C-alpha atoms as a PDB file:
ATOM      1  CA  UNK A   1     -38.617 134.879 133.526  1.00  0.00           C
ATOM      2  CA  UNK A   2     -35.901 136.497 133.011  1.00  0.00           C
ATOM      3  CA  UNK A   3     -32.410 134.577 132.976  1.00  0.00           C
ATOM      4  CA  UNK A   4     -30.502 134.518 136.597  1.00  0.00           C
ATOM      5  CA  UNK A   5     -27.753 136.542 137.197  1.00  0.00           C
ATOM      6  CA  UNK A   6     -24.610 134.481 137.353  1.00  0.00           C
ATOM      7  CA  UNK A   7     -23.591 135.329 140.950  1.00  0.00           C
ATOM      8  CA  UNK A   8     -27.792 134.807 141.655  1.00  0.00           C
ATOM      9  CA  UNK A   9     -27.398 131.479 139.909  1.00  0.00           C
ATOM     10  CA  UNK A  10     -24.623 130.267 142.052  1.00  0.00           C
ATOM     11  CA  UNK A  11     -25.944 130.692 145.688  1.00  0.00           C
ATOM     12  CA  UNK A  12     -29.217 128.724 144.494  1.00  0.00           C
ATOM     13  CA  UNK A  13     -26.165 126.007 143.491  1.00  0.00           C
ATOM     14  CA  UNK A  14     -24.727 126.312 146.657  1.00  0.00           C
ATOM     15  CA  UNK A  15     -27.895 126.119 148.673  1.00  0.00           C
ATOM     16  CA  UNK A  16     -28.886 122.910 146.789  1.00  0.00           C
ATOM     17  CA  UNK A  17     -25.938 121.510 147.464  1.00  0.00           C
ATOM     18  CA  UNK A  18     -26.030 122.139 151.212  1.00  0.00           C
ATOM     19  CA  UNK A  19     -29.250 120.383 151.118  1.00  0.00           C
ATOM     20  CA  UNK A  20     -27.866 117.775 149.173  1.00  0.00           C
ATOM     21  CA  UNK A  21     -24.620 116.912 150.994  1.00  0.00           C
ATOM     22  CA  UNK A  22     -26.824 116.505 154.133  1.00  0.00           C
ATOM     23  CA  UNK A  23     -30.164 115.212 153.585  1.00  0.00           C
ATOM     24  CA  UNK A  24     -31.439 118.299 154.867  1.00  0.00           C
ATOM     25  CA  UNK A  25     -35.366 119.812 154.884  1.00  0.00           C
ATOM     26  CA  UNK A  26     -33.282 123.248 153.143  1.00  0.00           C
ATOM     27  CA  UNK A  27     -30.194 124.214 152.080  1.00  0.00           C
ATOM     28  CA  UNK A  28     -29.215 127.900 152.002  1.00  0.00           C
ATOM     29  CA  UNK A  29     -26.809 130.168 150.966  1.00  0.00           C
ATOM     30  CA  UNK A  30     -25.983 133.966 151.564  1.00  0.00           C
ATOM     31  CA  UNK A  31     -24.139 136.748 149.332  1.00  0.00           C
ATOM     32  CA  UNK A  32     -22.466 139.090 151.346  1.00  0.00           C
ATOM     33  CA  UNK A  33     -21.301 142.707 150.075  1.00  0.00           C
ATOM     34  CA  UNK A  34     -18.027 141.551 149.369  1.00  0.00           C
ATOM     35  CA  UNK A  35     -18.546 139.177 147.239  1.00  0.00           C
ATOM     36  CA  UNK A  36     -18.026 136.550 149.499  1.00  0.00           C
ATOM     37  CA  UNK A  37     -20.573 133.302 149.988  1.00  0.00           C
ATOM     38  CA  UNK A  38     -21.853 131.141 153.072  1.00  0.00           C
ATOM     39  CA  UNK A  39     -23.708 128.142 152.519  1.00  0.00           C
ATOM     40  CA  UNK A  40     -25.752 126.154 155.313  1.00  0.00           C
ATOM     41  CA  UNK A  41     -28.392 123.631 155.819  1.00  0.00           C
ATOM     42  CA  UNK A  42     -31.795 123.152 158.327  1.00  0.00           C
ATOM     43  CA  UNK A  43     -29.783 122.860 162.258  1.00  0.00           C
ATOM     44  CA  UNK A  44     -31.889 120.388 163.870  1.00  0.00           C
ATOM     45  CA  UNK A  45     -30.030 119.503 167.611  1.00  0.00           C
ATOM     46  CA  UNK A  46     -31.828 118.501 170.694  1.00  0.00           C
ATOM     47  CA  UNK A  47     -30.637 122.122 172.370  1.00  0.00           C
ATOM     48  CA  UNK A  48     -30.159 124.663 168.736  1.00  0.00           C
ATOM     49  CA  UNK A  49     -32.838 124.487 165.902  1.00  0.00           C
ATOM     50  CA  UNK A  50     -31.777 126.905 162.931  1.00  0.00           C
ATOM     51  CA  UNK A  51     -33.427 127.041 159.258  1.00  0.00           C
ATOM     52  CA  UNK A  52     -30.802 127.058 156.740  1.00  0.00           C
ATOM     53  CA  UNK A  53     -31.299 130.555 156.225  1.00  0.00           C
ATOM     54  CA  UNK A  54     -30.537 131.399 159.527  1.00  0.00           C
ATOM     55  CA  UNK A  55     -27.578 129.341 159.846  1.00  0.00           C
ATOM     56  CA  UNK A  56     -26.142 130.524 156.440  1.00  0.00           C
ATOM     57  CA  UNK A  57     -26.973 134.377 157.899  1.00  0.00           C
ATOM     58  CA  UNK A  58     -24.796 132.740 161.256  1.00  0.00           C
ATOM     59  CA  UNK A  59     -22.168 132.015 159.248  1.00  0.00           C
ATOM     60  CA  UNK A  60     -21.996 135.428 157.254  1.00  0.00           C
ATOM     61  CA  UNK A  61     -21.635 137.318 160.151  1.00  0.00           C
ATOM     62  CA  UNK A  62     -19.520 135.585 162.277  1.00  0.00           C
ATOM     63  CA  UNK A  63     -16.852 136.142 159.157  1.00  0.00           C
ATOM     64  CA  UNK A  64     -17.345 139.517 159.636  1.00  0.00           C
ATOM     65  CA  UNK A  65     -19.625 139.933 156.584  1.00  0.00           C
ATOM     66  CA  UNK A  66     -20.804 143.998 156.517  1.00  0.00           C
ATOM     67  CA  UNK A  67     -23.683 143.146 154.712  1.00  0.00           C
ATOM     68  CA  UNK A  68     -26.299 140.904 152.550  1.00  0.00           C
ATOM     69  CA  UNK A  69     -26.513 141.543 148.787  1.00  0.00           C
ATOM     70  CA  UNK A  70     -28.974 138.285 148.358  1.00  0.00           C
ATOM     71  CA  UNK A  71     -29.505 135.159 149.999  1.00  0.00           C
ATOM     72  CA  UNK A  72     -31.071 131.576 148.520  1.00  0.00           C
ATOM     73  CA  UNK A  73     -33.150 129.136 150.019  1.00  0.00           C
ATOM     74  CA  UNK A  74     -33.919 125.491 148.603  1.00  0.00           C
ATOM     75  CA  UNK A  75     -36.655 124.050 149.718  1.00  0.00           C
ATOM     76  CA  UNK A  76     -39.745 121.928 148.671  1.00  0.00           C
ATOM     77  CA  UNK A  77     -42.199 124.498 151.144  1.00  0.00           C
ATOM     78  CA  UNK A  78     -42.464 127.018 148.350  1.00  0.00           C
ATOM     79  CA  UNK A  79     -41.643 129.518 150.943  1.00  0.00           C
ATOM     80  CA  UNK A  80     -39.390 130.879 153.650  1.00  0.00           C
ATOM     81  CA  UNK A  81     -40.936 131.835 157.402  1.00  0.00           C
ATOM     82  CA  UNK A  82     -40.767 135.085 158.623  1.00  0.00           C
ATOM     83  CA  UNK A  83     -37.908 134.402 161.396  1.00  0.00           C
ATOM     84  CA  UNK A  84     -35.584 133.141 158.228  1.00  0.00           C
ATOM     85  CA  UNK A  85     -36.737 136.325 156.561  1.00  0.00           C
ATOM     86  CA  UNK A  86     -35.545 138.853 159.361  1.00  0.00           C
ATOM     87  CA  UNK A  87     -32.572 137.608 159.803  1.00  0.00           C
ATOM     88  CA  UNK A  88     -31.615 138.524 156.645  1.00  0.00           C
ATOM     89  CA  UNK A  89     -33.239 141.889 157.156  1.00  0.00           C
ATOM     90  CA  UNK A  90     -31.296 142.126 160.206  1.00  0.00           C
ATOM     91  CA  UNK A  91     -28.087 143.011 158.039  1.00  0.00           C
ATOM     92  CA  UNK A  92     -30.034 144.330 155.182  1.00  0.00           C
ATOM     93  CA  UNK A  93     -32.792 145.269 154.214  1.00  0.00           C
ATOM     94  CA  UNK A  94     -32.495 145.572 150.831  1.00  0.00           C
ATOM     95  CA  UNK A  95     -31.224 142.124 150.072  1.00  0.00           C
ATOM     96  CA  UNK A  96     -33.186 139.853 148.061  1.00  0.00           C
ATOM     97  CA  UNK A  97     -34.415 136.192 148.932  1.00  0.00           C
ATOM     98  CA  UNK A  98     -34.624 133.471 145.946  1.00  0.00           C
ATOM     99  CA  UNK A  99     -36.834 130.650 146.940  1.00  0.00           C
ATOM    100  CA  UNK A 100     -36.239 127.298 144.725  1.00  0.00           C
ATOM    101  CA  UNK A 101     -36.936 124.029 144.686  1.00  0.00           C
ATOM    102  CA  UNK A 102     -34.821 121.233 145.241  1.00  0.00           C
ATOM    103  CA  UNK A 103     -34.132 121.034 141.228  1.00  0.00           C
ATOM    104  CA  UNK A 104     -32.832 124.485 141.521  1.00  0.00           C
ATOM    105  CA  UNK A 105     -36.472 125.850 140.169  1.00  0.00           C
ATOM    106  CA  UNK A 106     -37.530 129.755 140.956  1.00  0.00           C
ATOM    107  CA  UNK A 107     -40.480 129.270 142.869  1.00  0.00           C
ATOM    108  CA  UNK A 108     -42.564 132.570 141.617  1.00  0.00           C
ATOM    109  CA  UNK A 109     -41.255 135.970 144.131  1.00  0.00           C
ATOM    110  CA  UNK A 110     -44.205 137.490 146.590  1.00  0.00           C
ATOM    111  CA  UNK A 111     -46.426 140.204 145.486  1.00  0.00           C
END
């Protein structure tokens, strides 16, 4: 695999930190089209359930992000659910989504 772009490495690191800080199942981070980053973890409350990626997208939207360049999810599952992908695609169809394990090693991209 080619060397990870430094900006993509940054959001993987932010996603790892969000997950580690809370002990959540997933951590995620997104980079908007202005270069700002937003990180979040899985939210599991009795009245609210969000995947980490949905929460990061929500944070970006709440901050006025015009679109997304990239997203990263750190999970042991090796995949991202369709609803999480849809949240990213709602803002920007072409944003790439990186999936990494808890050590930050990227899973192979889906075909």
